[in-house]
Amino acid sequence: MVDEKGPQALALGYVSDAARADKVKYPKFAAGSHCANCALFQGKAGDAAGGCPLYAGKQVASTGWCSAWVKKA
C-alpha cells in the first residue's frame, strides 16, 4: 500500500480516505471523487485497493484520493 507520508504521496496530496483530502490546498477536489472512480485506478469495481501507475508497485485504497484524480469515463 502507498504510504501517505512517502514523497510521491505527499507531492500529490494522497490520502487513503477521500474525506480527509485537503480541500483548501486542492480546491479541485469534488465530493464523491475517490480512487475507485479515477481513470488511473487499476483495480476492479468493488476492490478495497488497486494499482495506480503514479505509485509504481504499490496499491492505493479504493476510498483514497490524490490531486491527479481524473473521472473514469
N, C-alpha and C. Protein backbone atom coordinates (compact mmCIF):
# COMPACT_ATOMS: atom_id res chain seq x y z
N MET A 1 0.84 -1.19 0.00
CA MET A 1 0.00 0.00 0.00
C MET A 1 0.89 1.25 0.00
N VAL A 2 0.36 2.30 -0.58
CA VAL A 2 1.07 3.57 -0.61
C VAL A 2 1.10 4.16 0.81
N ASP A 3 2.26 4.64 1.20
CA ASP A 3 2.42 5.32 2.49
C ASP A 3 2.08 6.79 2.29
N GLU A 4 1.09 7.28 3.02
CA GLU A 4 0.66 8.68 2.88
C GLU A 4 1.80 9.65 3.15
N LYS A 5 2.83 9.22 3.87
CA LYS A 5 3.94 10.10 4.21
C LYS A 5 5.12 9.95 3.24
N GLY A 6 4.95 9.09 2.23
CA GLY A 6 6.00 8.92 1.22
C GLY A 6 6.09 10.16 0.33
N PRO A 7 7.24 10.38 -0.30
CA PRO A 7 7.43 11.60 -1.09
C PRO A 7 6.42 11.77 -2.25
N GLN A 8 6.13 10.70 -2.97
CA GLN A 8 5.17 10.80 -4.08
C GLN A 8 3.77 11.10 -3.56
N ALA A 9 3.38 10.44 -2.48
CA ALA A 9 2.06 10.66 -1.88
C ALA A 9 1.93 12.09 -1.38
N LEU A 10 2.96 12.58 -0.71
CA LEU A 10 2.93 13.96 -0.21
C LEU A 10 2.85 14.96 -1.36
N ALA A 11 3.60 14.70 -2.42
CA ALA A 11 3.61 15.62 -3.57
C ALA A 11 2.24 15.71 -4.23
N LEU A 12 1.49 14.60 -4.21
CA LEU A 12 0.18 14.58 -4.87
C LEU A 12 -0.99 14.72 -3.89
N GLY A 13 -0.69 14.86 -2.61
CA GLY A 13 -1.75 15.03 -1.62
C GLY A 13 -2.57 13.77 -1.40
N TYR A 14 -1.95 12.59 -1.59
CA TYR A 14 -2.69 11.33 -1.43
C TYR A 14 -3.11 11.11 0.01
N VAL A 15 -4.36 10.71 0.18
CA VAL A 15 -4.89 10.25 1.48
C VAL A 15 -5.67 8.97 1.21
N SER A 16 -5.65 8.05 2.17
CA SER A 16 -6.33 6.77 1.97
C SER A 16 -7.84 6.89 2.16
N ASP A 17 -8.30 8.02 2.68
CA ASP A 17 -9.73 8.29 2.86
C ASP A 17 -10.01 9.66 2.26
N ALA A 18 -10.75 9.68 1.16
CA ALA A 18 -11.02 10.93 0.44
C ALA A 18 -11.65 12.00 1.32
N ALA A 19 -12.32 11.60 2.38
CA ALA A 19 -12.94 12.58 3.29
C ALA A 19 -11.88 13.44 3.97
N ARG A 20 -10.63 12.97 4.00
CA ARG A 20 -9.55 13.73 4.63
C ARG A 20 -8.75 14.56 3.64
N ALA A 21 -9.17 14.62 2.39
CA ALA A 21 -8.45 15.41 1.38
C ALA A 21 -8.43 16.88 1.81
N ASP A 22 -7.30 17.53 1.58
CA ASP A 22 -7.14 18.94 1.94
C ASP A 22 -7.86 19.79 0.89
N LYS A 23 -9.08 20.17 1.20
CA LYS A 23 -9.91 20.89 0.24
C LYS A 23 -9.46 22.34 0.04
N VAL A 24 -8.65 22.85 0.93
CA VAL A 24 -8.11 24.20 0.77
C VAL A 24 -6.91 24.15 -0.19
N LYS A 25 -6.00 23.22 0.06
CA LYS A 25 -4.82 23.08 -0.79
C LYS A 25 -5.18 22.54 -2.18
N TYR A 26 -6.23 21.72 -2.24
CA TYR A 26 -6.66 21.11 -3.51
C TYR A 26 -8.12 21.47 -3.79
N PRO A 27 -8.38 22.70 -4.21
CA PRO A 27 -9.77 23.12 -4.45
C PRO A 27 -10.45 22.35 -5.57
N LYS A 28 -9.67 21.63 -6.39
CA LYS A 28 -10.24 20.82 -7.47
C LYS A 28 -10.98 19.60 -6.91
N PHE A 29 -10.72 19.25 -5.64
CA PHE A 29 -11.40 18.10 -5.04
C PHE A 29 -12.91 18.28 -5.15
N ALA A 30 -13.57 17.22 -5.59
CA ALA A 30 -15.03 17.25 -5.70
C ALA A 30 -15.60 16.13 -4.83
N ALA A 31 -16.65 16.45 -4.11
CA ALA A 31 -17.29 15.45 -3.26
C ALA A 31 -17.64 14.23 -4.12
N GLY A 32 -17.38 13.06 -3.59
CA GLY A 32 -17.68 11.82 -4.32
C GLY A 32 -16.52 11.31 -5.15
N SER A 33 -15.45 12.09 -5.29
CA SER A 33 -14.30 11.61 -6.05
C SER A 33 -13.41 10.79 -5.13
N HIS A 34 -12.95 9.64 -5.61
CA HIS A 34 -12.06 8.76 -4.87
C HIS A 34 -11.37 7.84 -5.85
N CYS A 35 -10.35 7.15 -5.39
CA CYS A 35 -9.54 6.33 -6.29
C CYS A 35 -10.36 5.35 -7.12
N ALA A 36 -11.37 4.72 -6.54
CA ALA A 36 -12.14 3.71 -7.26
C ALA A 36 -12.85 4.27 -8.49
N ASN A 37 -13.14 5.58 -8.52
CA ASN A 37 -13.79 6.14 -9.71
C ASN A 37 -12.84 7.05 -10.49
N CYS A 38 -11.53 6.82 -10.31
CA CYS A 38 -10.50 7.55 -11.06
C CYS A 38 -10.07 6.72 -12.27
N ALA A 39 -9.79 7.39 -13.37
CA ALA A 39 -9.37 6.73 -14.60
C ALA A 39 -8.04 5.98 -14.42
N LEU A 40 -7.24 6.37 -13.44
CA LEU A 40 -5.93 5.74 -13.23
C LEU A 40 -6.01 4.48 -12.37
N PHE A 41 -7.11 4.27 -11.66
CA PHE A 41 -7.26 3.12 -10.75
C PHE A 41 -7.29 1.83 -11.55
N GLN A 42 -6.43 0.88 -11.17
CA GLN A 42 -6.31 -0.37 -11.92
C GLN A 42 -7.00 -1.55 -11.26
N GLY A 43 -7.68 -1.32 -10.15
CA GLY A 43 -8.43 -2.40 -9.51
C GLY A 43 -9.77 -2.60 -10.19
N LYS A 44 -10.46 -3.65 -9.77
CA LYS A 44 -11.80 -3.91 -10.31
C LYS A 44 -12.84 -3.25 -9.41
N ALA A 45 -14.02 -3.05 -9.93
CA ALA A 45 -15.11 -2.50 -9.14
C ALA A 45 -15.31 -3.35 -7.90
N GLY A 46 -15.41 -2.74 -6.75
CA GLY A 46 -15.60 -3.46 -5.51
C GLY A 46 -14.31 -3.83 -4.79
N ASP A 47 -13.16 -3.69 -5.44
CA ASP A 47 -11.89 -3.99 -4.78
C ASP A 47 -11.61 -2.95 -3.70
N ALA A 48 -11.04 -3.37 -2.58
CA ALA A 48 -10.69 -2.45 -1.50
C ALA A 48 -9.47 -1.62 -1.85
N ALA A 49 -8.64 -2.15 -2.75
CA ALA A 49 -7.42 -1.45 -3.17
C ALA A 49 -7.06 -1.91 -4.58
N GLY A 50 -6.24 -1.13 -5.24
CA GLY A 50 -5.80 -1.49 -6.59
C GLY A 50 -4.56 -0.71 -6.96
N GLY A 51 -3.96 -1.10 -8.03
CA GLY A 51 -2.76 -0.44 -8.50
C GLY A 51 -3.05 0.93 -9.09
N CYS A 52 -2.01 1.74 -9.14
CA CYS A 52 -2.10 3.06 -9.76
C CYS A 52 -0.74 3.33 -10.40
N PRO A 53 -0.71 3.73 -11.67
CA PRO A 53 0.57 3.95 -12.33
C PRO A 53 1.41 5.06 -11.70
N LEU A 54 0.81 5.93 -10.92
CA LEU A 54 1.56 7.00 -10.27
C LEU A 54 2.39 6.50 -9.09
N TYR A 55 2.02 5.35 -8.56
CA TYR A 55 2.70 4.77 -7.40
C TYR A 55 3.17 3.37 -7.77
N ALA A 56 4.18 3.30 -8.60
CA ALA A 56 4.66 2.04 -9.15
C ALA A 56 4.89 0.97 -8.09
N GLY A 57 4.29 -0.19 -8.31
CA GLY A 57 4.47 -1.32 -7.42
C GLY A 57 3.69 -1.25 -6.12
N LYS A 58 2.88 -0.23 -5.95
CA LYS A 58 2.09 -0.08 -4.73
C LYS A 58 0.61 0.01 -5.08
N GLN A 59 -0.21 -0.23 -4.07
CA GLN A 59 -1.65 -0.12 -4.26
C GLN A 59 -2.18 1.09 -3.51
N VAL A 60 -3.27 1.63 -4.01
CA VAL A 60 -3.96 2.73 -3.35
C VAL A 60 -5.30 2.20 -2.85
N ALA A 61 -5.80 2.81 -1.80
CA ALA A 61 -7.11 2.42 -1.26
C ALA A 61 -8.19 2.90 -2.22
N SER A 62 -9.20 2.09 -2.45
CA SER A 62 -10.28 2.50 -3.35
C SER A 62 -10.99 3.74 -2.82
N THR A 63 -10.93 3.95 -1.51
CA THR A 63 -11.56 5.12 -0.88
C THR A 63 -10.64 6.33 -0.83
N GLY A 64 -9.42 6.17 -1.34
CA GLY A 64 -8.43 7.24 -1.29
C GLY A 64 -8.65 8.32 -2.34
N TRP A 65 -7.76 9.30 -2.34
CA TRP A 65 -7.82 10.41 -3.31
C TRP A 65 -6.46 11.06 -3.40
N CYS A 66 -6.12 11.57 -4.59
CA CYS A 66 -4.94 12.43 -4.75
C CYS A 66 -5.25 13.47 -5.81
N SER A 67 -4.37 14.44 -5.92
CA SER A 67 -4.63 15.58 -6.82
C SER A 67 -4.59 15.20 -8.29
N ALA A 68 -4.13 13.99 -8.62
CA ALA A 68 -4.12 13.55 -10.01
C ALA A 68 -5.43 12.89 -10.42
N TRP A 69 -6.42 12.88 -9.53
CA TRP A 69 -7.71 12.24 -9.80
C TRP A 69 -8.32 12.76 -11.10
N VAL A 70 -8.76 11.82 -11.95
CA VAL A 70 -9.45 12.13 -13.21
C VAL A 70 -10.65 11.22 -13.31
N LYS A 71 -11.81 11.79 -13.57
CA LYS A 71 -13.03 10.99 -13.62
C LYS A 71 -12.92 9.86 -14.64
N LYS A 72 -13.29 8.65 -14.19
CA LYS A 72 -13.30 7.48 -15.07
C LYS A 72 -14.39 7.65 -16.10
N ALA A 73 -14.05 7.37 -17.35
CA ALA A 73 -15.02 7.53 -18.44
C ALA A 73 -16.08 6.45 -18.42
